[in-house]
Each structure stands twice: as structure tokens, then as C-alpha cells.
């Protein structure tokens, strides 16, 4: 018999607070997800597709500290742990 261990693996998706803060920060800057992605590219921080922004905002992405840090710099705000 094979035991499936997936229930023991912690969920590595984007935390709810991070995705809510990302959406709010983007809206505060009056940017669409594609515009935010383009701004990140223009800042030469990362070269991400608009789909990456959408995956973070929907909570489907597996968090990358590099991407989160770059988004924070472009948006000018802390996204994780923000109160």
C-alpha cells in the first residue's frame, strides 16, 4: 500500500495577506497587472510576464522572495507582513 503524503506538505502558495496587499498597492498606483509587469521590466529588476502578476494576485504562484522584493521596490511599499 502506498501512502500519499501530500496532506503533510505545507501550502507554498502566495499568502492571502500578500496577494491582498499586492492588489491594493497596484490599484493605489492605478496600474493594471500588465502595466505593473511592464514597470517591473522597465526598472530592469525582473523580466516577468503579466501572467506572473495575475498568479500572485490570485494566490496561485509559489512565492519567490526575489519577485516579491522586486514588486515591493516597483510599488514602493512592503507587501508581506503589511498591516
N, C-alpha and C. Protein backbone atom coordinates (compact mmCIF):
# COMPACT_ATOMS: atom_id res chain seq x y z
N UNK A 1 0.84 -1.18 0.00
CA UNK A 1 0.00 0.00 0.00
C UNK A 1 0.89 1.25 0.00
N UNK A 2 0.55 2.22 -0.83
CA UNK A 2 1.31 3.45 -0.93
C UNK A 2 0.57 4.55 -0.18
N UNK A 3 1.26 5.25 0.68
CA UNK A 3 0.66 6.34 1.44
C UNK A 3 0.98 7.66 0.75
N UNK A 4 -0.03 8.45 0.52
CA UNK A 4 0.15 9.76 -0.10
C UNK A 4 0.44 10.76 1.00
N UNK A 5 1.55 11.48 0.86
CA UNK A 5 1.99 12.41 1.89
C UNK A 5 1.64 13.86 1.56
N UNK A 6 0.89 14.09 0.49
CA UNK A 6 0.63 15.47 0.07
C UNK A 6 -0.09 16.28 1.14
N UNK A 7 -0.86 15.65 1.99
CA UNK A 7 -1.57 16.40 3.02
C UNK A 7 -0.60 16.93 4.08
N UNK A 8 0.62 16.37 4.14
CA UNK A 8 1.59 16.82 5.11
C UNK A 8 2.48 17.94 4.58
N UNK A 9 2.42 18.18 3.28
CA UNK A 9 3.23 19.23 2.67
C UNK A 9 2.55 20.57 2.88
N UNK A 10 3.25 21.54 3.48
CA UNK A 10 2.61 22.85 3.69
C UNK A 10 2.29 23.53 2.36
N UNK A 11 1.23 24.31 2.38
CA UNK A 11 0.83 25.05 1.18
C UNK A 11 1.85 26.14 0.91
N UNK A 12 2.48 26.09 -0.26
CA UNK A 12 3.53 27.04 -0.59
C UNK A 12 3.03 28.14 -1.50
N UNK A 13 1.75 28.32 -1.59
CA UNK A 13 1.19 29.34 -2.46
C UNK A 13 1.29 30.71 -1.79
N UNK A 14 1.00 31.75 -2.57
CA UNK A 14 1.07 33.12 -2.07
C UNK A 14 0.08 33.28 -0.91
N UNK A 15 0.56 33.78 0.23
CA UNK A 15 -0.33 34.00 1.38
C UNK A 15 -1.40 35.05 1.06
N UNK A 16 -2.55 34.94 1.71
CA UNK A 16 -3.67 35.84 1.47
C UNK A 16 -3.28 37.29 1.70
N UNK A 17 -2.53 37.57 2.78
CA UNK A 17 -2.17 38.96 3.06
C UNK A 17 -1.29 39.54 1.96
N UNK A 18 -0.38 38.74 1.41
CA UNK A 18 0.50 39.23 0.35
C UNK A 18 -0.30 39.53 -0.91
N UNK A 19 -1.20 38.63 -1.30
CA UNK A 19 -1.95 38.89 -2.54
C UNK A 19 -2.88 40.08 -2.39
N UNK A 20 -3.50 40.24 -1.21
CA UNK A 20 -4.37 41.41 -0.99
C UNK A 20 -3.56 42.70 -1.03
N UNK A 21 -2.38 42.69 -0.39
CA UNK A 21 -1.53 43.87 -0.37
C UNK A 21 -1.01 44.21 -1.76
N UNK A 22 -0.71 43.18 -2.57
CA UNK A 22 -0.24 43.41 -3.93
C UNK A 22 -1.34 44.06 -4.77
N UNK A 23 -2.55 43.53 -4.69
CA UNK A 23 -3.66 44.12 -5.45
C UNK A 23 -3.89 45.56 -5.02
N UNK A 24 -3.91 45.81 -3.71
CA UNK A 24 -4.17 47.16 -3.21
C UNK A 24 -3.08 48.13 -3.63
N UNK A 25 -1.83 47.71 -3.53
CA UNK A 25 -0.72 48.59 -3.92
C UNK A 25 -0.77 48.89 -5.42
N UNK A 26 -1.11 47.89 -6.21
CA UNK A 26 -1.22 48.10 -7.67
C UNK A 26 -2.35 49.06 -7.98
N UNK A 27 -3.49 48.88 -7.31
CA UNK A 27 -4.63 49.78 -7.53
C UNK A 27 -4.32 51.19 -7.06
N UNK A 28 -3.59 51.32 -5.94
CA UNK A 28 -3.20 52.64 -5.45
C UNK A 28 -2.35 53.39 -6.48
N UNK A 29 -1.54 52.64 -7.22
CA UNK A 29 -0.70 53.23 -8.27
C UNK A 29 -1.46 53.36 -9.60
N UNK A 30 -2.73 52.92 -9.60
CA UNK A 30 -3.59 52.98 -10.80
C UNK A 30 -2.96 52.22 -11.97
N UNK A 31 -2.50 51.01 -11.67
CA UNK A 31 -1.87 50.17 -12.68
C UNK A 31 -2.67 48.89 -12.91
N UNK A 32 -2.78 48.48 -14.15
CA UNK A 32 -3.32 47.17 -14.49
C UNK A 32 -2.21 46.16 -14.27
N UNK A 33 -2.54 44.86 -14.11
CA UNK A 33 -1.48 43.87 -13.93
C UNK A 33 -0.41 43.92 -15.03
N UNK A 34 -0.83 44.10 -16.27
CA UNK A 34 0.13 44.17 -17.39
C UNK A 34 1.02 45.40 -17.27
N UNK A 35 0.47 46.51 -16.79
CA UNK A 35 1.26 47.73 -16.62
C UNK A 35 2.29 47.55 -15.51
N UNK A 36 1.90 46.88 -14.43
CA UNK A 36 2.83 46.60 -13.34
C UNK A 36 3.97 45.72 -13.85
N UNK A 37 3.62 44.69 -14.60
CA UNK A 37 4.66 43.82 -15.16
C UNK A 37 5.60 44.62 -16.05
N UNK A 38 5.05 45.51 -16.86
CA UNK A 38 5.87 46.34 -17.74
C UNK A 38 6.77 47.27 -16.93
N UNK A 39 6.25 47.85 -15.86
CA UNK A 39 7.06 48.72 -14.99
C UNK A 39 8.21 47.94 -14.36
N UNK A 40 7.95 46.71 -13.99
CA UNK A 40 9.00 45.88 -13.40
C UNK A 40 10.08 45.64 -14.45
N UNK A 41 9.67 45.39 -15.69
CA UNK A 41 10.64 45.19 -16.77
C UNK A 41 11.42 46.47 -17.02
N UNK A 42 10.73 47.60 -17.05
CA UNK A 42 11.40 48.88 -17.30
C UNK A 42 12.42 49.20 -16.23
N UNK A 43 12.14 48.79 -15.02
CA UNK A 43 13.08 49.02 -13.91
C UNK A 43 14.26 48.06 -14.00
N UNK A 44 14.22 47.15 -14.95
CA UNK A 44 15.25 46.13 -15.17
C UNK A 44 15.49 45.31 -13.91
N UNK A 45 14.43 45.08 -13.18
CA UNK A 45 14.58 44.27 -11.97
C UNK A 45 14.33 42.80 -12.30
N UNK A 46 13.25 42.53 -12.96
CA UNK A 46 12.94 41.18 -13.40
C UNK A 46 12.22 41.30 -14.73
N UNK A 47 12.20 40.23 -15.46
CA UNK A 47 11.51 40.22 -16.75
C UNK A 47 10.36 39.23 -16.63
N UNK A 48 9.28 39.65 -16.03
CA UNK A 48 8.15 38.78 -15.79
C UNK A 48 6.99 39.13 -16.72
N UNK A 49 6.20 38.13 -17.02
CA UNK A 49 5.01 38.31 -17.86
C UNK A 49 3.85 38.77 -16.99
N UNK A 50 2.85 39.43 -17.60
CA UNK A 50 1.67 39.83 -16.83
C UNK A 50 1.02 38.66 -16.11
N UNK A 51 1.15 37.46 -16.67
CA UNK A 51 0.56 36.27 -16.05
C UNK A 51 1.13 36.03 -14.65
N UNK A 52 2.41 36.38 -14.45
CA UNK A 52 3.03 36.20 -13.13
C UNK A 52 2.34 37.09 -12.10
N UNK A 53 2.06 38.34 -12.49
CA UNK A 53 1.36 39.26 -11.58
C UNK A 53 -0.01 38.68 -11.25
N UNK A 54 -0.71 38.20 -12.24
CA UNK A 54 -2.05 37.63 -12.02
C UNK A 54 -1.98 36.39 -11.13
N UNK A 55 -0.94 35.58 -11.29
CA UNK A 55 -0.80 34.40 -10.44
C UNK A 55 -0.54 34.79 -8.99
N UNK A 56 0.23 35.84 -8.78
CA UNK A 56 0.46 36.32 -7.41
C UNK A 56 -0.83 36.88 -6.82
N UNK A 57 -1.55 37.66 -7.60
CA UNK A 57 -2.77 38.29 -7.08
C UNK A 57 -3.87 37.26 -6.82
N UNK A 58 -3.88 36.17 -7.56
CA UNK A 58 -4.90 35.14 -7.35
C UNK A 58 -4.46 34.12 -6.30
N UNK A 59 -3.20 34.19 -5.89
CA UNK A 59 -2.70 33.26 -4.89
C UNK A 59 -2.22 31.95 -5.46
N UNK A 60 -2.11 31.84 -6.77
CA UNK A 60 -1.71 30.58 -7.41
C UNK A 60 -0.20 30.42 -7.53
N UNK A 61 0.55 31.50 -7.42
CA UNK A 61 2.00 31.43 -7.58
C UNK A 61 2.66 30.83 -6.35
N UNK A 62 3.79 30.20 -6.57
CA UNK A 62 4.63 29.78 -5.46
C UNK A 62 5.58 30.95 -5.21
N UNK A 63 5.54 31.53 -4.01
CA UNK A 63 6.27 32.77 -3.75
C UNK A 63 7.78 32.67 -4.01
N UNK A 64 8.30 33.72 -4.58
CA UNK A 64 9.73 33.89 -4.79
C UNK A 64 10.11 35.19 -4.10
N UNK A 65 11.05 35.12 -3.17
CA UNK A 65 11.46 36.33 -2.45
C UNK A 65 12.02 37.37 -3.40
N UNK A 66 12.68 36.93 -4.47
CA UNK A 66 13.23 37.87 -5.44
C UNK A 66 12.11 38.63 -6.14
N UNK A 67 11.09 37.91 -6.59
CA UNK A 67 9.98 38.58 -7.28
C UNK A 67 9.24 39.49 -6.32
N UNK A 68 8.98 39.01 -5.11
CA UNK A 68 8.27 39.83 -4.11
C UNK A 68 9.07 41.10 -3.83
N UNK A 69 10.37 40.97 -3.64
CA UNK A 69 11.22 42.15 -3.38
C UNK A 69 11.18 43.13 -4.53
N UNK A 70 11.22 42.62 -5.75
CA UNK A 70 11.17 43.49 -6.92
C UNK A 70 9.83 44.19 -7.04
N UNK A 71 8.76 43.48 -6.77
CA UNK A 71 7.43 44.11 -6.79
C UNK A 71 7.33 45.19 -5.72
N UNK A 72 7.89 44.93 -4.54
CA UNK A 72 7.86 45.93 -3.47
C UNK A 72 8.61 47.19 -3.89
N UNK A 73 9.75 47.03 -4.56
CA UNK A 73 10.51 48.20 -5.00
C UNK A 73 9.73 48.99 -6.04
N UNK A 74 9.14 48.30 -7.00
CA UNK A 74 8.39 49.00 -8.06
C UNK A 74 7.17 49.70 -7.49
N UNK A 75 6.47 49.03 -6.55
CA UNK A 75 5.25 49.61 -5.98
C UNK A 75 5.54 50.59 -4.85
N UNK A 76 6.75 50.56 -4.32
CA UNK A 76 7.12 51.48 -3.25
C UNK A 76 6.46 51.17 -1.92
N UNK A 77 6.18 49.89 -1.67
CA UNK A 77 5.54 49.51 -0.42
C UNK A 77 5.90 48.09 -0.07
N UNK A 78 5.81 47.76 1.22
CA UNK A 78 6.04 46.40 1.68
C UNK A 78 4.76 45.60 1.45
N UNK A 79 4.88 44.42 0.87
CA UNK A 79 3.71 43.60 0.56
C UNK A 79 3.47 42.50 1.58
N UNK A 80 4.50 41.95 2.15
CA UNK A 80 4.34 40.84 3.09
C UNK A 80 4.45 41.35 4.51
N UNK A 81 3.49 40.98 5.33
CA UNK A 81 3.52 41.42 6.72
C UNK A 81 3.00 42.83 6.92
N UNK A 82 2.43 43.40 5.85
CA UNK A 82 1.90 44.77 5.93
C UNK A 82 0.63 44.76 6.76
N UNK A 83 0.47 45.71 7.62
CA UNK A 83 -0.73 45.79 8.48
C UNK A 83 -1.65 46.88 7.98
